[in-house]
């Protein structure tokens, strides 16, 4: 089964799963270099619902958010790596700067973000609560980030020896 779907195919799949009584959990992000912080976060995110949808920022939206040098890994490869994780049910790529349009379109039951986001700053929280859903905040794994990995690589491989 292909787990990487466009938003329309994904919506159709989710509607069928809802009819079976499944709760849809939704998270999003850049996931540029997959690391243990991501894996632990996504494993916990899956526990909040029956189906975990990961909305992946497109290359253009990552550049707009993180700067011209990012992403380090292209959207198709990032999607493939994430789809290989057993606890992710579906991956979809979105080009917008925020996932609000996609959240409104898919109407997840649970909206999940990492602990580096206070709930009052989570995009889509009001909309999800309006249709009876909830927001779940997963504690972040301290010190584990793509930025830290990039800095370590620069220090180890780019510094004068």
Protein backbone atom coordinates (compact mmCIF):
# COMPACT_ATOMS: atom_id res chain seq x y z
CA UNK A 1 0.00 0.00 0.00
CA UNK A 2 1.30 3.41 -0.92
CA UNK A 3 1.29 5.57 2.20
CA UNK A 4 2.27 8.79 0.37
CA UNK A 5 -0.93 10.33 -0.95
CA UNK A 6 -2.12 13.60 -2.43
CA UNK A 7 -4.63 15.44 -0.25
CA UNK A 8 -7.72 14.37 -2.22
CA UNK A 9 -6.90 10.65 -2.16
CA UNK A 10 -5.97 10.99 1.51
CA UNK A 11 -9.30 12.64 2.33
CA UNK A 12 -11.20 9.79 0.64
CA UNK A 13 -9.20 7.19 2.58
CA UNK A 14 -9.75 9.01 5.87
CA UNK A 15 -13.51 9.28 5.27
CA UNK A 16 -13.68 5.51 4.77
CA UNK A 17 -11.65 4.92 7.95
CA UNK A 18 -13.90 7.29 9.92
CA UNK A 19 -16.90 5.21 8.88
CA UNK A 20 -15.13 2.28 10.58
CA UNK A 21 -14.94 4.38 13.76
CA UNK A 22 -11.24 5.24 13.49
CA UNK A 23 -9.88 8.39 15.15
CA UNK A 24 -7.60 10.43 12.89
CA UNK A 25 -4.49 12.02 14.41
CA UNK A 26 -2.62 14.70 12.43
CA UNK A 27 0.83 16.18 12.78
CA UNK A 28 3.04 18.19 10.50
CA UNK A 29 6.57 19.41 10.04
CA UNK A 30 9.70 19.63 7.92
CA UNK A 31 11.46 16.45 9.14
CA UNK A 32 14.55 17.43 7.17
CA UNK A 33 17.04 14.95 8.66
CA UNK A 34 15.16 12.22 10.51
CA UNK A 35 16.63 11.78 13.99
CA UNK A 36 15.76 10.09 17.29
CA UNK A 37 13.78 13.12 18.48
CA UNK A 38 11.49 12.78 15.46
CA UNK A 39 11.12 9.02 15.90
CA UNK A 40 10.21 9.29 19.60
CA UNK A 41 7.78 12.13 18.87
CA UNK A 42 6.05 10.28 16.04
CA UNK A 43 5.82 7.04 18.04
CA UNK A 44 4.05 8.94 20.83
CA UNK A 45 1.89 10.81 18.32
CA UNK A 46 0.57 7.50 16.96
CA UNK A 47 -0.68 6.58 20.45
CA UNK A 48 -3.14 9.50 20.40
CA UNK A 49 -5.34 8.05 17.65
CA UNK A 50 -5.96 5.06 15.40
CA UNK A 51 -4.55 6.58 12.20
CA UNK A 52 -1.55 8.92 12.09
CA UNK A 53 -1.34 11.38 9.21
CA UNK A 54 1.92 13.24 8.75
CA UNK A 55 1.69 16.42 6.68
CA UNK A 56 5.15 17.17 5.33
CA UNK A 57 6.24 20.68 4.40
CA UNK A 58 7.21 20.88 0.72
CA UNK A 59 10.71 21.98 -0.25
CA UNK A 60 9.47 25.50 -1.04
CA UNK A 61 7.71 25.88 2.31
CA UNK A 62 10.78 24.55 4.18
CA UNK A 63 12.92 27.18 2.40
CA UNK A 64 10.47 29.91 3.36
CA UNK A 65 10.46 28.78 7.01
CA UNK A 66 14.06 27.62 7.57
CA UNK A 67 16.02 29.62 4.98
CA UNK A 68 17.50 29.13 1.52
CA UNK A 69 19.93 26.39 2.57
CA UNK A 70 17.17 24.06 3.66
CA UNK A 71 15.88 21.49 3.19
CA UNK A 72 18.96 19.31 3.07
CA UNK A 73 16.86 16.38 1.86
CA UNK A 74 14.20 16.81 -0.82
CA UNK A 75 10.49 16.35 -0.17
CA UNK A 76 10.13 13.07 -2.09
CA UNK A 77 12.97 11.43 -0.15
CA UNK A 78 11.76 12.84 3.18
CA UNK A 79 8.27 11.48 2.44
CA UNK A 80 9.63 8.04 1.55
CA UNK A 81 11.70 7.78 4.73
CA UNK A 82 8.76 8.87 6.90
CA UNK A 83 6.34 6.50 5.15
CA UNK A 84 8.72 3.63 5.98
CA UNK A 85 8.06 4.15 9.71
CA UNK A 86 5.52 1.60 10.91
CA UNK A 87 3.67 4.07 13.14
CA UNK A 88 2.92 6.53 10.32
CA UNK A 89 -0.16 5.54 8.34
CA UNK A 90 -0.16 8.28 5.70
CA UNK A 91 2.13 11.06 4.47
CA UNK A 92 1.01 14.00 2.37
CA UNK A 93 3.10 16.93 1.17
CA UNK A 94 1.73 20.46 1.49
CA UNK A 95 3.13 23.61 -0.13
CA UNK A 96 1.56 26.21 2.16
CA UNK A 97 3.54 27.87 4.97
CA UNK A 98 1.13 26.47 7.57
CA UNK A 99 -1.03 23.34 7.54
CA UNK A 100 -4.25 25.27 8.27
CA UNK A 101 -5.82 24.74 4.84
CA UNK A 102 -5.03 21.01 5.00
CA UNK A 103 -6.33 20.71 8.57
CA UNK A 104 -9.61 22.33 7.52
CA UNK A 105 -9.82 19.99 4.53
CA UNK A 106 -9.03 16.73 6.35
CA UNK A 107 -10.73 17.57 9.68
CA UNK A 108 -8.60 15.41 12.00
CA UNK A 109 -9.88 14.36 15.42
CA UNK A 110 -6.54 15.01 17.14
CA UNK A 111 -4.04 17.72 16.24
CA UNK A 112 -0.54 16.96 17.53
CA UNK A 113 2.51 19.18 17.98
CA UNK A 114 5.79 18.89 19.80
CA UNK A 115 6.43 20.36 23.24
CA UNK A 116 8.33 23.27 21.73
CA UNK A 117 4.91 24.63 20.72
CA UNK A 118 2.60 26.09 23.38
CA UNK A 119 -0.99 25.05 22.66
CA UNK A 120 -2.13 28.63 22.09
CA UNK A 121 0.35 28.86 19.16
CA UNK A 122 -0.67 25.59 17.45
CA UNK A 123 -2.04 26.36 13.99
CA UNK A 124 -5.51 24.84 13.55
CA UNK A 125 -6.25 24.33 17.26
CA UNK A 126 -9.42 26.47 17.24
CA UNK A 127 -10.76 24.79 14.11
CA UNK A 128 -10.13 21.26 15.42
CA UNK A 129 -11.80 22.08 18.73
CA UNK A 130 -14.78 23.58 16.85
CA UNK A 131 -15.61 20.22 15.28
CA UNK A 132 -15.13 18.36 18.56
CA UNK A 133 -11.47 17.39 18.23
CA UNK A 134 -8.60 18.02 20.60
CA UNK A 135 -4.97 19.14 20.64
CA UNK A 136 -2.21 16.90 22.01
CA UNK A 137 1.24 18.24 22.88
CA UNK A 138 4.03 15.63 22.91
CA UNK A 139 7.06 16.53 25.06
CA UNK A 140 10.10 17.36 22.98
CA UNK A 141 13.29 15.33 23.20
CA UNK A 142 15.83 17.80 24.60
CA UNK A 143 18.87 18.52 22.47
CA UNK A 144 17.73 16.47 19.48
CA UNK A 145 17.22 18.59 16.37
CA UNK A 146 18.25 18.86 12.74
CA UNK A 147 19.89 22.20 13.57
CA UNK A 148 22.07 20.53 16.22
CA UNK A 149 23.07 17.80 13.75
CA UNK A 150 24.00 20.41 11.12
CA UNK A 151 26.05 22.36 13.68
CA UNK A 152 27.91 19.20 14.72
CA UNK A 153 28.69 18.35 11.08
CA UNK A 154 29.99 21.88 10.50
CA UNK A 155 32.14 21.72 13.63
CA UNK A 156 33.57 18.28 12.87
CA UNK A 157 33.98 18.50 9.11
CA UNK A 158 34.21 22.20 8.28
CA UNK A 159 36.48 23.50 11.03
CA UNK A 160 40.23 23.80 10.41
CA UNK A 161 41.89 20.62 11.64
